[in-house]
Amino acid sequence: MLDSRKSPRRASLTRCTVEKCFSKDGQISSRTVNFSATGFMLELDYPLSPGDAIKIQFASDAEETGLYGACCCLGMVRWCKAQDGSCGGFYGVGVELARQTPRRYVY
C-alpha cells in the first residue's frame, strides 16, 4: 500500500496539553504519539470532534518545540478514533497544524 502522507513521521511520547479554542472546558493532558512537519497524532482520554480548533502546549525543551519554533501550536482535529486495548490514552487524534512552516529540522 502506497503511503500518501505529506511528510515523514517521527515517533514520540512527549507530554503536552490540549485546549479547545473558543471553549471553557480547560486543558486536557495528552501526549504525542508521532509528529511531522505538518501535524501529529495525540493520545487523549477524551474524544475530540473532527473540525475542532485546538491549542497544543509543549514543554520548551520538547523536540516538537524545536520543529515548530514555538511551545504553543494551533491545529485542527482531522480524525478521532477509540483505541481498544491501548495502554495509553483511550482516543487517538490526528491533528493538522494551522501553520505548516517547520523551522530547522533534519530527518
C-alpha atoms as a PDB file:
ATOM      1  CA  MET A   1       0.000   0.000   0.000  1.00  0.00           C
ATOM      2  CA  LEU A   2       1.371   3.403  -1.022  1.00  0.00           C
ATOM      3  CA  ASP A   3       1.905   5.897   1.814  1.00  0.00           C
ATOM      4  CA  SER A   4       0.198   9.171   0.830  1.00  0.00           C
ATOM      5  CA  ARG A   5       1.376  11.249   3.798  1.00  0.00           C
ATOM      6  CA  LYS A   6       2.606  14.775   3.090  1.00  0.00           C
ATOM      7  CA  SER A   7       5.757  14.343   5.177  1.00  0.00           C
ATOM      8  CA  PRO A   8       7.513  11.557   7.129  1.00  0.00           C
ATOM      9  CA  ARG A   9       6.548  10.846  10.761  1.00  0.00           C
ATOM     10  CA  ARG A  10       8.788  10.536  13.819  1.00  0.00           C
ATOM     11  CA  ALA A  11       7.876   8.549  16.915  1.00  0.00           C
ATOM     12  CA  SER A  12       7.437  10.473  20.159  1.00  0.00           C
ATOM     13  CA  LEU A  13       5.988  10.108  23.646  1.00  0.00           C
ATOM     14  CA  THR A  14       6.168  13.796  24.561  1.00  0.00           C
ATOM     15  CA  ARG A  15       3.661  15.034  27.130  1.00  0.00           C
ATOM     16  CA  CYS A  16       1.582  18.058  26.156  1.00  0.00           C
ATOM     17  CA  THR A  17      -1.691  19.776  26.993  1.00  0.00           C
ATOM     18  CA  VAL A  18      -4.590  20.325  24.619  1.00  0.00           C
ATOM     19  CA  GLU A  19      -7.210  23.032  24.873  1.00  0.00           C
ATOM     20  CA  LYS A  20     -10.205  23.531  22.577  1.00  0.00           C
ATOM     21  CA  CYS A  21     -10.276  27.027  21.110  1.00  0.00           C
ATOM     22  CA  PHE A  22     -13.389  29.055  21.988  1.00  0.00           C
ATOM     23  CA  SER A  23     -14.260  26.633  24.807  1.00  0.00           C
ATOM     24  CA  LYS A  24     -14.226  26.855  28.575  1.00  0.00           C
ATOM     25  CA  ASP A  25     -13.552  23.111  29.005  1.00  0.00           C
ATOM     26  CA  GLY A  26      -9.991  23.758  30.191  1.00  0.00           C
ATOM     27  CA  GLN A  27      -6.795  21.878  29.417  1.00  0.00           C
ATOM     28  CA  ILE A  28      -6.613  18.145  28.689  1.00  0.00           C
ATOM     29  CA  SER A  29      -3.445  16.180  29.452  1.00  0.00           C
ATOM     30  CA  SER A  30      -2.172  14.373  26.380  1.00  0.00           C
ATOM     31  CA  ARG A  31       0.916  13.009  24.688  1.00  0.00           C
ATOM     32  CA  THR A  32       2.267  12.970  21.158  1.00  0.00           C
ATOM     33  CA  VAL A  33       2.488   9.522  19.539  1.00  0.00           C
ATOM     34  CA  ASN A  34       4.160  10.722  16.339  1.00  0.00           C
ATOM     35  CA  PHE A  35       4.759  14.030  14.591  1.00  0.00           C
ATOM     36  CA  SER A  36       5.808  15.541  11.281  1.00  0.00           C
ATOM     37  CA  ALA A  37       6.258  18.958   9.711  1.00  0.00           C
ATOM     38  CA  THR A  38       2.512  19.237   9.041  1.00  0.00           C
ATOM     39  CA  GLY A  39       0.849  17.607  12.051  1.00  0.00           C
ATOM     40  CA  PHE A  40       0.854  14.883  14.661  1.00  0.00           C
ATOM     41  CA  MET A  41      -1.093  12.135  16.383  1.00  0.00           C
ATOM     42  CA  LEU A  42      -2.094  12.586  20.010  1.00  0.00           C
ATOM     43  CA  GLU A  43      -3.387  10.184  22.657  1.00  0.00           C
ATOM     44  CA  LEU A  44      -6.092  11.560  24.932  1.00  0.00           C
ATOM     45  CA  ASP A  45      -8.540  10.227  27.491  1.00  0.00           C
ATOM     46  CA  TYR A  46     -11.361  12.309  25.965  1.00  0.00           C
ATOM     47  CA  PRO A  47     -12.694  12.395  22.393  1.00  0.00           C
ATOM     48  CA  LEU A  48     -12.425  15.458  20.178  1.00  0.00           C
ATOM     49  CA  SER A  49     -14.535  16.105  17.092  1.00  0.00           C
ATOM     50  CA  PRO A  50     -13.122  16.451  13.579  1.00  0.00           C
ATOM     51  CA  GLY A  51     -13.037  20.153  12.760  1.00  0.00           C
ATOM     52  CA  ASP A  52     -12.324  21.239  16.358  1.00  0.00           C
ATOM     53  CA  ALA A  53      -9.731  24.014  16.526  1.00  0.00           C
ATOM     54  CA  ILE A  54      -7.253  23.226  19.313  1.00  0.00           C
ATOM     55  CA  LYS A  55      -4.223  24.755  21.001  1.00  0.00           C
ATOM     56  CA  ILE A  56      -1.399  22.365  21.909  1.00  0.00           C
ATOM     57  CA  GLN A  57       1.200  23.334  24.519  1.00  0.00           C
ATOM     58  CA  PHE A  58       4.605  21.588  24.617  1.00  0.00           C
ATOM     59  CA  ALA A  59       7.441  21.975  27.124  1.00  0.00           C
ATOM     60  CA  SER A  60      10.120  24.431  25.985  1.00  0.00           C
ATOM     61  CA  ASP A  61      12.698  21.614  25.655  1.00  0.00           C
ATOM     62  CA  ALA A  62      10.440  19.231  23.663  1.00  0.00           C
ATOM     63  CA  GLU A  63      11.618  18.084  20.228  1.00  0.00           C
ATOM     64  CA  GLU A  64       8.323  19.320  18.778  1.00  0.00           C
ATOM     65  CA  THR A  65       9.069  22.842  20.050  1.00  0.00           C
ATOM     66  CA  GLY A  66      12.299  22.822  18.024  1.00  0.00           C
ATOM     67  CA  LEU A  67      10.486  21.718  14.868  1.00  0.00           C
ATOM     68  CA  TYR A  68       7.524  24.079  15.122  1.00  0.00           C
ATOM     69  CA  GLY A  69       9.518  27.027  16.510  1.00  0.00           C
ATOM     70  CA  ALA A  70       7.175  27.610  19.455  1.00  0.00           C
ATOM     71  CA  CYS A  71       5.888  25.889  22.593  1.00  0.00           C
ATOM     72  CA  CYS A  72       2.303  26.530  21.510  1.00  0.00           C
ATOM     73  CA  CYS A  73       0.733  25.335  18.239  1.00  0.00           C
ATOM     74  CA  LEU A  74      -2.699  25.754  16.726  1.00  0.00           C
ATOM     75  CA  GLY A  75      -4.256  22.957  14.743  1.00  0.00           C
ATOM     76  CA  MET A  76      -7.424  21.291  13.547  1.00  0.00           C
ATOM     77  CA  VAL A  77      -8.626  17.830  14.513  1.00  0.00           C
ATOM     78  CA  ARG A  78      -8.801  15.764  11.316  1.00  0.00           C
ATOM     79  CA  TRP A  79      -9.905  12.467  12.893  1.00  0.00           C
ATOM     80  CA  CYS A  80     -10.517  10.847  16.285  1.00  0.00           C
ATOM     81  CA  LYS A  81     -10.762   7.102  16.911  1.00  0.00           C
ATOM     82  CA  ALA A  82     -11.199   4.990  20.038  1.00  0.00           C
ATOM     83  CA  GLN A  83      -8.132   2.844  20.757  1.00  0.00           C
ATOM     84  CA  ASP A  84      -9.229  -0.536  22.068  1.00  0.00           C
ATOM     85  CA  GLY A  85      -6.632  -2.248  24.238  1.00  0.00           C
ATOM     86  CA  SER A  86      -4.333   0.772  24.374  1.00  0.00           C
ATOM     87  CA  CYS A  87      -2.010   1.194  27.354  1.00  0.00           C
ATOM     88  CA  GLY A  88      -2.062   4.970  26.877  1.00  0.00           C
ATOM     89  CA  GLY A  89      -4.963   7.264  26.098  1.00  0.00           C
ATOM     90  CA  PHE A  90      -8.368   5.985  25.095  1.00  0.00           C
ATOM     91  CA  TYR A  91      -8.520   8.039  21.868  1.00  0.00           C
ATOM     92  CA  GLY A  92      -6.105   8.600  19.011  1.00  0.00           C
ATOM     93  CA  VAL A  93      -6.436  12.057  17.471  1.00  0.00           C
ATOM     94  CA  GLY A  94      -4.949  13.238  14.173  1.00  0.00           C
ATOM     95  CA  VAL A  95      -4.109  16.951  14.114  1.00  0.00           C
ATOM     96  CA  GLU A  96      -3.211  19.099  11.106  1.00  0.00           C
ATOM     97  CA  LEU A  97      -1.260  22.216  12.018  1.00  0.00           C
ATOM     98  CA  ALA A  98      -2.674  25.605  11.102  1.00  0.00           C
ATOM     99  CA  ARG A  99       0.837  26.897  10.325  1.00  0.00           C
ATOM    100  CA  GLN A 100       2.826  24.376   8.308  1.00  0.00           C
ATOM    101  CA  THR A 101       6.230  26.024   8.021  1.00  0.00           C
ATOM    102  CA  PRO A 102       8.715  23.957  10.007  1.00  0.00           C
ATOM    103  CA  ARG A 103      11.898  25.513  11.336  1.00  0.00           C
ATOM    104  CA  ARG A 104      15.305  23.862  11.418  1.00  0.00           C
ATOM    105  CA  TYR A 105      14.642  20.144  11.276  1.00  0.00           C
ATOM    106  CA  VAL A 106      16.671  17.324   9.784  1.00  0.00           C
ATOM    107  CA  TYR A 107      15.376  13.766   9.488  1.00  0.00           C
END
